[in-house]
Every structure is written in C-alpha cells, then in structure tokens.
Amino acid sequence: MAPKNTQRTRRRFGSLRTLPSGRVQARYSHAPAPNSPAVSYRAPGTFEDQDAAIAWLKGQERMIDRGDWMPPEEQDRRSKADAVTVAEYVDLYHDRKQISGEIRASTVQTYRNTTNNRIKPYSIADIRITQLTTMDCYRWWDQMGVDHADTPETNRKGYVRLKAAMADAVERSYIEINPVAVKAASKKSKSYDKQLPTTSELKAIVDNVPVTHKVVAVLCAFHGLRVGEALAVRIQDVIFDGDGGACVRVRGNFQRIKDTDGHVKMVRQDAKTSAGERDVPALPQYVDLLRHAVVQARARAHDEAKPNEDARAVRSRREDFLISTTRTGQPIMDTSFRSIWNRARERGGVRDDITPHYGRNWLTVMLAEQGSTPAEIGQVLGQRDISTVVGIYMKVRGGRPADLMRRVAATMDAH
C-alpha cells in the first residue's frame, strides 16, 4: 500500500507514484532473462513531473523491445561514465587510492606528475572513457615517443598509469574491456641498460662533494642507499661497535612533498616495504667520516637545546637529529643534493650520466663478485624483488669476463 499523501497511477507498462513533494517515482516489472520471474525495477531518481516519468518508462519499454535492455542501475552507471573523460577518471582513480591509504602521499604525487606530463597534454585526455579505443592508445603512445624520445621509461610509466585507471573502470563496470593494450609499451625500456660506473669514477665524484654533503654522497655511492634514505639518516641510526666498525640503520626516507599551499618540503616517511628497513655495514674506509658527521650533528643538536629543557627530552631530540642538514638545521632537499652531485661530477671529470642511484649498481656487482647471492644483495639494497636485483642492478664490470676466463684457464692448467 502506498504511503499516505502519495498517489499511485498504474499504466499499461509500469506505474507512477506522486510524492508529497510533488516529485514522481516510476517503476516497472520485467523478466531479465527468458523463463525467469519478473523483477520490479525503479528509476534511480525521481522526476519533476509525470510527463518526465512517463517518458522514462517509454524509453525502458523501447529498450526491452529492441533487446538492448539493462537494469536501470547499470544504465545510470554507464550514463555517468559517458560523461567522464580519461583525464578525469585517472584523477578520480588516484584520489580513491590516496583516500584509501593504499599508497603514500609522495607516491600519489609522483603518479599525478606523470599523469600531468604524459596524459593530460594529449588529445587522449579529452576522450570519454566509454569511447576510448585501443587505436586511440596507439596514437597517443606513438606521439609521446616522438615528443619524449629521451625519456622512454617515463613514457612507460605514463602508460602504466593509464592502464591501471582503465582496469579500475572495468572492475567498476563503467567499461567492459580495457582498451589500453599497446604491446610495445608493456616492456620496460632499455634505459636501465647503462654502463656500470667504475670505483674511480665514484671516488672522483665523492672527493669533489662539499664536506657538508659528503656523508650523503658516500652512502649513495658506496653503500647502496637511495637519496631519500641517505638524507634521512639520524644520529641514532649510526651504530659504532667496539672493533672500530659501524653500521647504518635504514629506518625511513625523505620525500619531496607539495603541501596544500603549493610549498615544497621534505617529509620523513617510513620505509615503503619491510625490506626497506635494513642494517647496512659501513665500509671501513668511511667509518671515520661517519663518526665525524655524528659528532658534528650532536654539537648542532646541543646548540639548539632550550634553556631549562628537560635532559631526557634533549637526549631524545638529539638522537633524532639528522647527521646531514642545511646550515639552518633543516633537511637537505633531494634536488639540492643532486645539483651538488652533478657539480662534483663535472669537477671530477666524470661522464655525465652517473647519478647517485648508480651506486646501487656498483655495490650489487661488487657484492656479486665476492660471492653474494641475489637474496643477500637484495637484503643490503632493501630490495625484496630478486628479479630487480638480477635484471636491473646487476651489471657486468668492464674486463670482468676476460678475468673470469683467465681464472678458468688457470684451473685447467692446475689439473
């Protein structure tokens, strides 16, 4: 029975109900499959008057007659999808990822930067997701390759973002299949196939880095730390043993984040994975450098102590003090460190493709040549994916094959 103050009107197909507000609901019964019982369906929303509601019912009846009917909820979902462009959906997809906490703010920012540089400047961004075709994706991929031929890996990351967003659209039933299927884009670029840096090249760079940044350079070049990890090392993270050795505990990293006001700052975050938290033994050559950096950091922390501040609070804050900071005690920006690295590289006469990240390649090969397994190397690098260690970081040092063959020959002569 209809609620009081409502008026129900039955029709040959469907029925109408006028609500106290004057708006009209519409519903009808239909068997969704042959030989199945009829199911009652209602319009997703209400209508301003009966004429609008009747028009909706007639439209539903025509769909049934044509054989292309679908439930009203699905019709509404697809209608909304018809109004959403590729760029809008990619943004919505990243919004949901951030709100759910599945990915960190710095990762979302990286994803958005990729989207802004590799998707939104192209015509594919304005295509509605329900009309996007694989051919559109091929045209976009080809043009992006022309415009950004020198950054193939960034292009591939743009492709990955688009494909992931459209896979989400499929999962939510906005579209039936994922049209993002460019075979060439699925393969990682060969940009990782770079020449391994020599020990002398890395030493030349480190020797030309200012003393204020030298510890960060050493941790990146010879200990396999990422830039953000090296910048985040605190006093408490450097452990000295009784035998003159030291160990660096990696317990987080700094990421460059843009706040709501558009200001860029370095924000400390926990390691992305449990493998990222690790203890890296320091090379003996650099223990004194680490010790000096810790002493200097403790002195800066002491200078910042407030009058009458609790001694326990002072000790706690001191241990949290970074061993490498700006002159004002602020975290060093990763962009600033990279600029210093580049200038040191130029002064050292080293080829210009060697970045701080190359230290991970160097350390991987050095460890491998000492008999380390990929799993052991991954533990030092904080890299759980062994295929990444083998396929990306593990290079062949120049002259190494010939040296190995000479060792084989010596073994043969011994027998």
Protein backbone atom coordinates (compact mmCIF):
# COMPACT_ATOMS: atom_id res chain seq x y z
CA MET A 1 0.00 0.00 0.00
CA ALA A 2 1.30 3.42 -0.94
CA PRO A 3 2.18 5.74 1.99
CA LYS A 4 -0.30 8.45 2.92
CA ASN A 5 -0.22 11.65 0.90
CA THR A 6 1.07 9.80 -2.19
CA GLN A 7 -0.85 8.99 -5.35
CA ARG A 8 -0.12 5.87 -7.41
CA THR A 9 -1.06 5.70 -11.10
CA ARG A 10 -0.91 2.35 -12.90
CA ARG A 11 -0.20 2.20 -16.62
CA ARG A 12 -0.11 -0.47 -19.28
CA PHE A 13 3.66 -0.58 -18.72
CA GLY A 14 4.82 0.40 -15.28
CA SER A 15 3.37 2.68 -12.66
CA LEU A 16 3.86 6.16 -11.25
CA ARG A 17 3.74 7.46 -7.70
CA THR A 18 3.46 11.15 -6.86
CA LEU A 19 5.26 12.00 -3.62
CA PRO A 20 4.17 14.67 -1.10
CA SER A 21 6.91 16.87 -2.53
CA GLY A 22 5.24 16.73 -5.92
CA ARG A 23 8.07 14.75 -7.50
CA VAL A 24 7.24 11.49 -9.23
CA GLN A 25 8.69 7.98 -8.88
CA ALA A 26 8.48 5.45 -11.71
CA ARG A 27 8.79 1.66 -11.63
CA TYR A 28 8.02 -1.34 -13.82
CA SER A 29 8.30 -5.14 -13.83
CA HIS A 30 10.39 -7.09 -16.31
CA ALA A 31 11.84 -10.61 -16.60
CA PRO A 32 15.61 -10.02 -17.02
CA ALA A 33 16.11 -13.39 -18.73
CA PRO A 34 13.90 -15.80 -20.69
CA ASN A 35 11.75 -18.06 -18.47
CA SER A 36 12.77 -16.10 -15.36
CA PRO A 37 10.33 -14.45 -12.96
CA ALA A 38 9.59 -10.76 -13.37
CA VAL A 39 11.57 -8.36 -11.20
CA SER A 40 10.46 -4.91 -10.13
CA TYR A 41 12.78 -2.08 -11.25
CA ARG A 42 12.64 1.56 -10.17
CA ALA A 43 14.13 4.64 -11.74
CA PRO A 44 17.41 5.63 -9.97
CA GLY A 45 15.95 9.05 -9.16
CA THR A 46 12.65 10.91 -9.08
CA PHE A 47 11.18 13.15 -11.80
CA GLU A 48 9.92 16.71 -11.76
CA ASP A 49 6.51 15.76 -13.19
CA GLN A 50 4.52 12.85 -14.63
CA ASP A 51 5.42 13.69 -18.23
CA ALA A 52 9.12 13.19 -17.48
CA ALA A 53 8.42 9.94 -15.62
CA ILE A 54 6.24 8.62 -18.46
CA ALA A 55 8.99 9.46 -20.97
CA TRP A 56 11.43 7.40 -18.91
CA LEU A 57 9.05 4.42 -18.81
CA LYS A 58 8.58 4.61 -22.59
CA GLY A 59 12.34 4.61 -23.02
CA GLN A 60 12.65 1.49 -20.89
CA GLU A 61 9.94 -0.25 -22.90
CA ARG A 62 11.70 0.59 -26.19
CA MET A 63 14.96 -0.90 -24.85
CA ILE A 64 13.14 -4.10 -23.96
CA ASP A 65 11.58 -4.27 -27.44
CA ARG A 66 14.98 -3.69 -29.12
CA GLY A 67 16.67 -6.32 -26.97
CA ASP A 68 19.36 -3.97 -25.57
CA TRP A 69 17.80 -3.53 -22.12
CA MET A 70 19.90 -3.49 -18.95
CA PRO A 71 18.92 -2.81 -15.33
CA PRO A 72 18.31 0.90 -14.56
CA GLU A 73 21.24 0.97 -12.11
CA GLU A 74 23.58 -0.20 -14.88
CA GLN A 75 22.07 2.30 -17.29
CA ASP A 76 22.72 5.07 -14.77
CA ARG A 77 26.31 3.96 -14.18
CA ARG A 78 27.04 3.87 -17.89
CA SER A 79 25.35 7.21 -18.43
CA LYS A 80 27.64 8.75 -15.85
CA ALA A 81 30.64 7.04 -17.43
CA ASP A 82 29.69 8.54 -20.79
CA ALA A 83 30.31 11.98 -19.27
CA VAL A 84 33.73 11.18 -17.74
CA THR A 85 36.91 11.86 -19.74
CA VAL A 86 40.12 9.86 -19.49
CA ALA A 87 41.91 12.64 -17.60
CA GLU A 88 39.03 12.99 -15.14
CA TYR A 89 38.87 9.27 -14.45
CA VAL A 90 42.63 8.96 -13.92
CA ASP A 91 42.39 11.76 -11.33
CA LEU A 92 39.42 10.08 -9.63
CA TYR A 93 41.31 6.79 -9.58
CA HIS A 94 44.33 8.38 -7.88
CA ASP A 95 42.03 10.23 -5.43
CA ARG A 96 40.50 6.93 -4.32
CA LYS A 97 43.92 5.34 -3.93
CA GLN A 98 45.09 8.18 -1.71
CA ILE A 99 41.92 8.32 0.41
CA SER A 100 42.01 4.55 0.98
CA GLY A 101 45.60 4.76 2.21
CA GLU A 102 46.76 2.12 -0.28
CA ILE A 103 49.61 4.35 -1.43
CA ARG A 104 51.61 7.11 0.24
CA ALA A 105 51.17 10.82 -0.44
CA SER A 106 54.57 11.00 -2.13
CA THR A 107 53.64 8.12 -4.44
CA VAL A 108 50.35 9.78 -5.37
CA GLN A 109 52.22 12.98 -6.12
CA THR A 110 54.59 11.07 -8.40
CA TYR A 111 51.62 9.46 -10.16
CA ARG A 112 49.95 12.84 -10.64
CA ASN A 113 53.14 14.37 -12.04
CA THR A 114 53.37 11.52 -14.55
CA THR A 115 49.71 11.99 -15.49
CA ASN A 116 50.13 15.74 -15.88
CA ASN A 117 53.17 15.35 -18.14
CA ARG A 118 52.31 12.25 -20.16
CA ILE A 119 48.50 12.04 -20.41
CA LYS A 120 46.83 15.41 -19.93
CA PRO A 121 48.78 17.29 -22.65
CA TYR A 122 47.46 14.88 -25.30
CA SER A 123 44.08 14.56 -27.01
CA ILE A 124 43.53 11.18 -25.36
CA ALA A 125 42.85 13.07 -22.12
CA ASP A 126 39.60 14.53 -23.51
CA ILE A 127 38.18 11.27 -24.85
CA ARG A 128 35.31 9.84 -22.81
CA ILE A 129 36.28 6.55 -21.19
CA THR A 130 33.35 4.75 -22.81
CA GLN A 131 34.63 5.80 -26.24
CA LEU A 132 38.35 5.13 -25.72
CA THR A 133 39.73 2.58 -28.18
CA THR A 134 42.99 0.67 -28.48
CA MET A 135 43.74 2.68 -31.63
CA ASP A 136 43.49 5.89 -29.59
CA CYS A 137 46.03 4.42 -27.18
CA TYR A 138 48.41 3.52 -30.01
CA ARG A 139 48.21 7.05 -31.45
CA TRP A 140 48.92 8.51 -28.01
CA TRP A 141 51.83 6.15 -27.35
CA ASP A 142 53.42 6.82 -30.73
CA GLN A 143 53.16 10.60 -30.37
CA MET A 144 54.52 10.50 -26.84
CA GLY A 145 57.50 8.54 -28.13
CA VAL A 146 58.21 11.30 -30.64
CA ASP A 147 57.80 14.13 -28.13
CA HIS A 148 59.78 12.45 -25.35
CA ALA A 149 62.21 10.16 -27.12
CA ASP A 150 64.87 10.77 -24.47
CA THR A 151 62.73 9.55 -21.54
CA PRO A 152 61.29 6.18 -22.59
CA GLU A 153 60.93 4.91 -19.02
CA THR A 154 58.83 7.92 -18.01
CA ASN A 155 56.68 7.32 -21.09
CA ARG A 156 56.16 3.73 -19.98
CA LYS A 157 55.14 4.91 -16.51
CA GLY A 158 52.53 7.15 -18.12
CA TYR A 159 51.21 4.11 -19.95
CA VAL A 160 51.10 2.14 -16.69
CA ARG A 161 49.04 4.88 -15.01
CA LEU A 162 46.51 4.93 -17.85
CA LYS A 163 46.22 1.15 -17.98
CA ALA A 164 45.73 0.88 -14.21
CA ALA A 165 42.99 3.53 -14.24
CA MET A 166 41.11 1.85 -17.08
CA ALA A 167 41.44 -1.53 -15.35
CA ASP A 168 39.70 0.10 -12.39
CA ALA A 169 36.96 1.34 -14.74
CA VAL A 170 36.45 -2.24 -15.93
CA GLU A 171 36.29 -3.52 -12.36
CA ARG A 172 33.62 -0.92 -11.55
CA SER A 173 31.65 -1.86 -14.69
CA TYR A 174 31.99 1.56 -16.31
CA ILE A 175 33.50 -0.09 -19.38
CA GLU A 176 33.51 -3.73 -20.50
CA ILE A 177 37.15 -4.24 -21.56
CA ASN A 178 40.40 -2.38 -21.02
CA PRO A 179 41.36 -0.71 -24.32
CA VAL A 180 44.86 0.17 -23.07
CA ALA A 181 46.75 -2.66 -24.75
CA VAL A 182 49.85 -1.36 -26.53
CA LYS A 183 52.20 -4.32 -26.70
CA ALA A 184 55.41 -2.30 -27.01
CA ALA A 185 54.53 -0.17 -24.00
CA SER A 186 54.28 -3.17 -21.70
CA LYS A 187 58.02 -3.79 -21.86
CA LYS A 188 60.43 -1.89 -19.69
CA SER A 189 62.64 0.42 -21.68
CA LYS A 190 66.30 -0.29 -22.18
CA SER A 191 67.16 2.90 -20.35
CA TYR A 192 68.32 0.72 -17.45
CA ASP A 193 71.00 -0.83 -19.66
CA LYS A 194 73.63 1.66 -18.67
CA GLN A 195 77.36 1.35 -18.33
CA LEU A 196 78.47 0.40 -14.83
CA PRO A 197 80.41 3.18 -13.06
CA THR A 198 83.96 2.37 -12.01
CA THR A 199 85.18 2.72 -8.45
CA SER A 200 87.50 5.55 -9.51
CA GLU A 201 84.60 7.45 -11.12
CA LEU A 202 82.51 7.28 -7.95
CA LYS A 203 85.52 8.26 -5.82
CA ALA A 204 86.16 11.26 -8.07
CA ILE A 205 82.60 12.44 -7.52
CA VAL A 206 82.67 11.90 -3.74
CA ASP A 207 86.05 13.67 -3.44
CA ASN A 208 84.54 16.79 -5.05
CA VAL A 209 81.38 16.89 -2.91
CA PRO A 210 81.50 19.55 -0.14
CA VAL A 211 82.10 18.19 3.34
CA THR A 212 78.56 19.19 4.39
CA HIS A 213 77.12 16.68 1.91
CA LYS A 214 79.91 14.10 1.76
CA VAL A 215 78.28 11.54 4.06
CA VAL A 216 75.15 11.51 1.90
CA ALA A 217 77.31 11.06 -1.21
CA VAL A 218 79.26 8.17 0.37
CA LEU A 219 76.09 6.39 1.49
CA CYS A 220 74.64 6.63 -2.01
CA ALA A 221 77.81 5.87 -3.98
CA PHE A 222 79.27 3.02 -1.92
CA HIS A 223 76.56 1.69 0.42
CA GLY A 224 73.54 1.33 -1.87
CA LEU A 225 71.26 3.83 -0.12
CA ARG A 226 68.72 5.75 -2.14
CA VAL A 227 69.00 9.53 -1.93
CA GLY A 228 65.92 9.88 0.29
CA GLU A 229 67.23 7.16 2.61
CA ALA A 230 70.67 8.78 2.95
CA LEU A 231 69.14 12.19 3.69
CA ALA A 232 67.01 10.65 6.47
CA VAL A 233 69.84 9.05 8.49
CA ARG A 234 69.72 10.26 12.11
CA ILE A 235 72.27 10.14 14.90
CA GLN A 236 70.55 7.09 16.41
CA ASP A 237 70.77 5.29 13.05
CA VAL A 238 74.59 5.14 13.08
CA ILE A 239 75.82 2.37 15.35
CA PHE A 240 79.52 2.01 16.23
CA ASP A 241 80.90 -1.27 17.56
CA GLY A 242 83.85 -1.94 19.81
CA ASP A 243 86.03 -3.16 16.96
CA GLY A 244 86.16 0.12 15.09
CA GLY A 245 83.32 -0.72 12.73
CA ALA A 246 79.98 0.94 12.11
CA CYS A 247 76.55 0.14 10.76
CA VAL A 248 73.91 2.42 9.25
CA ARG A 249 70.32 1.53 10.12
CA VAL A 250 67.92 2.49 7.35
CA ARG A 251 64.57 3.16 9.00
CA GLY A 252 62.87 5.64 6.69
CA ASN A 253 63.37 8.14 3.93
CA PHE A 254 62.67 11.72 2.96
CA GLN A 255 60.32 12.51 0.11
CA ARG A 256 59.68 15.86 -1.51
CA ILE A 257 56.00 16.75 -0.96
CA LYS A 258 53.99 19.75 -2.11
CA ASP A 259 51.56 20.92 0.57
CA THR A 260 48.11 22.41 0.05
CA ASP A 261 49.62 25.90 -0.25
CA GLY A 262 51.93 24.76 -3.04
CA HIS A 263 55.06 24.89 -0.86
CA VAL A 264 57.56 22.07 -1.38
CA LYS A 265 59.09 20.46 1.69
CA MET A 266 60.90 17.29 2.68
CA VAL A 267 58.72 14.89 4.68
CA ARG A 268 60.05 11.87 6.55
CA GLN A 269 58.24 8.61 5.82
CA ASP A 270 58.60 5.03 6.93
CA ALA A 271 60.20 2.58 4.52
CA LYS A 272 57.83 1.62 1.73
CA THR A 273 58.30 -2.11 2.43
CA SER A 274 59.66 -4.17 5.30
CA ALA A 275 62.67 -4.98 3.11
CA GLY A 276 63.47 -1.27 3.05
CA GLU A 277 64.25 -1.38 6.76
CA ARG A 278 67.74 -2.80 6.96
CA ASP A 279 71.15 -2.52 8.56
CA VAL A 280 73.99 -1.68 6.17
CA PRO A 281 77.54 -2.28 7.43
CA ALA A 282 79.77 0.70 6.70
CA LEU A 283 82.90 0.26 4.61
CA PRO A 284 85.95 0.64 6.91
CA GLN A 285 87.28 3.48 4.72
CA TYR A 286 84.33 5.66 5.74
CA VAL A 287 83.82 4.87 9.44
CA ASP A 288 85.81 7.95 10.50
CA LEU A 289 83.71 10.12 8.18
CA LEU A 290 80.53 8.77 9.78
CA ARG A 291 81.94 9.30 13.27
CA HIS A 292 82.87 12.90 12.46
CA ALA A 293 79.38 13.53 11.00
CA VAL A 294 77.72 12.18 14.15
CA VAL A 295 79.93 14.34 16.39
CA GLN A 296 79.07 17.42 14.37
CA ALA A 297 75.37 16.58 14.42
CA ARG A 298 75.37 16.16 18.20
CA ALA A 299 77.06 19.53 18.54
CA ARG A 300 74.36 21.17 16.40
CA ALA A 301 71.65 19.43 18.40
CA HIS A 302 73.23 20.63 21.64
CA ASP A 303 73.32 24.22 20.37
CA GLU A 304 69.57 24.03 19.73
CA ALA A 305 68.77 22.97 23.31
CA LYS A 306 66.40 25.36 25.03
CA PRO A 307 67.12 26.86 28.48
CA ASN A 308 65.86 24.67 31.34
CA GLU A 309 64.80 21.97 28.87
CA ASP A 310 64.42 18.51 30.40
CA ALA A 311 67.65 16.50 29.95
CA ARG A 312 65.75 13.41 28.80
CA ALA A 313 63.92 15.43 26.15
CA VAL A 314 67.24 16.89 25.00
CA ARG A 315 68.77 13.40 24.61
CA SER A 316 65.72 12.11 22.75
CA ARG A 317 65.66 15.05 20.37
CA ARG A 318 69.41 14.82 19.88
CA GLU A 319 69.21 11.21 18.76
CA ASP A 320 66.53 12.19 16.24
CA PHE A 321 68.79 14.89 14.77
CA LEU A 322 69.86 14.29 11.19
CA ILE A 323 73.58 13.74 10.59
CA SER A 324 73.34 15.82 7.40
CA THR A 325 71.37 19.07 7.35
CA THR A 326 71.41 22.52 5.83
CA ARG A 327 73.24 25.30 7.67
CA THR A 328 69.97 26.17 9.39
CA GLY A 329 69.44 22.59 10.57
CA GLN A 330 66.73 21.77 8.02
CA PRO A 331 66.57 18.55 5.95
CA ILE A 332 68.56 18.77 2.72
CA MET A 333 66.34 18.85 -0.36
CA ASP A 334 66.96 15.94 -2.70
CA THR A 335 67.10 18.38 -5.61
CA SER A 336 69.82 20.37 -3.85
CA PHE A 337 71.88 17.25 -3.24
CA ARG A 338 71.53 16.14 -6.87
CA SER A 339 72.73 19.56 -8.04
CA ILE A 340 75.77 19.27 -5.75
CA TRP A 341 76.41 15.75 -7.04
CA ASN A 342 76.26 16.97 -10.64
CA ARG A 343 78.72 19.79 -9.98
CA ALA A 344 81.10 17.38 -8.22
CA ARG A 345 80.80 15.01 -11.16
CA GLU A 346 81.75 17.81 -13.55
CA ARG A 347 84.71 18.90 -11.43
CA GLY A 348 85.88 15.30 -11.20
CA GLY A 349 85.82 14.89 -14.97
CA VAL A 350 83.34 12.02 -14.77
CA ARG A 351 80.84 11.18 -17.51
CA ASP A 352 77.54 13.00 -17.07
CA ASP A 353 75.17 10.01 -16.94
CA ILE A 354 76.26 8.81 -13.49
CA THR A 355 73.60 9.66 -10.89
CA PRO A 356 73.56 8.84 -7.15
CA HIS A 357 71.41 5.80 -7.98
CA TYR A 358 74.33 4.27 -9.88
CA GLY A 359 75.89 3.42 -6.53
CA ARG A 360 73.31 0.65 -6.17
CA ASN A 361 74.51 -0.89 -9.43
CA TRP A 362 78.13 -0.60 -8.36
CA LEU A 363 77.53 -2.22 -4.96
CA THR A 364 75.45 -5.00 -6.48
CA VAL A 365 78.25 -6.03 -8.81
CA MET A 366 80.92 -5.74 -6.13
CA LEU A 367 78.90 -7.96 -3.78
CA ALA A 368 78.16 -10.45 -6.54
CA GLU A 369 81.85 -10.74 -7.39
CA GLN A 370 82.52 -11.56 -3.75
CA GLY A 371 80.11 -14.49 -3.97
CA SER A 372 76.95 -12.89 -2.57
CA THR A 373 73.64 -14.41 -3.65
CA PRO A 374 70.90 -12.21 -5.17
CA ALA A 375 68.91 -12.61 -1.93
CA GLU A 376 71.86 -11.39 0.15
CA ILE A 377 72.38 -8.46 -2.21
CA GLY A 378 68.70 -7.61 -2.01
CA GLN A 379 68.94 -7.52 1.78
CA VAL A 380 71.72 -4.91 1.62
CA LEU A 381 69.89 -2.84 -1.01
CA GLY A 382 66.48 -3.12 0.64
CA GLN A 383 65.14 -4.77 -2.50
CA ARG A 384 62.82 -7.74 -1.96
CA ASP A 385 62.25 -8.42 -5.67
CA ILE A 386 65.19 -10.61 -6.67
CA SER A 387 64.38 -10.19 -10.37
CA THR A 388 65.02 -6.46 -9.97
CA VAL A 389 68.41 -7.16 -8.44
CA VAL A 390 69.36 -9.53 -11.26
CA GLY A 391 67.74 -7.73 -14.17
CA ILE A 392 68.31 -4.07 -13.33
CA TYR A 393 71.09 -3.58 -10.81
CA MET A 394 73.42 -6.47 -11.62
CA LYS A 395 75.67 -5.33 -14.48
CA VAL A 396 78.90 -6.71 -15.90
CA ARG A 397 82.03 -4.84 -14.91
CA GLY A 398 84.32 -3.96 -17.79
CA GLY A 399 87.08 -6.54 -18.20
CA ARG A 400 85.42 -8.96 -15.80
CA PRO A 401 84.59 -11.68 -18.42
CA ALA A 402 88.21 -11.81 -19.55
CA ASP A 403 89.37 -12.04 -15.93
CA LEU A 404 86.98 -14.91 -15.29
CA MET A 405 88.19 -16.78 -18.36
CA ARG A 406 91.79 -16.40 -17.19
CA ARG A 407 90.79 -17.93 -13.88
CA VAL A 408 89.15 -20.85 -15.69
CA ALA A 409 92.33 -21.34 -17.72
CA ALA A 410 94.43 -21.34 -14.56
CA THR A 411 92.17 -24.02 -13.07
CA MET A 412 92.59 -26.17 -16.19
CA ASP A 413 96.38 -25.88 -16.05
CA ALA A 414 96.31 -26.93 -12.39
CA HIS A 415 94.73 -30.22 -13.39
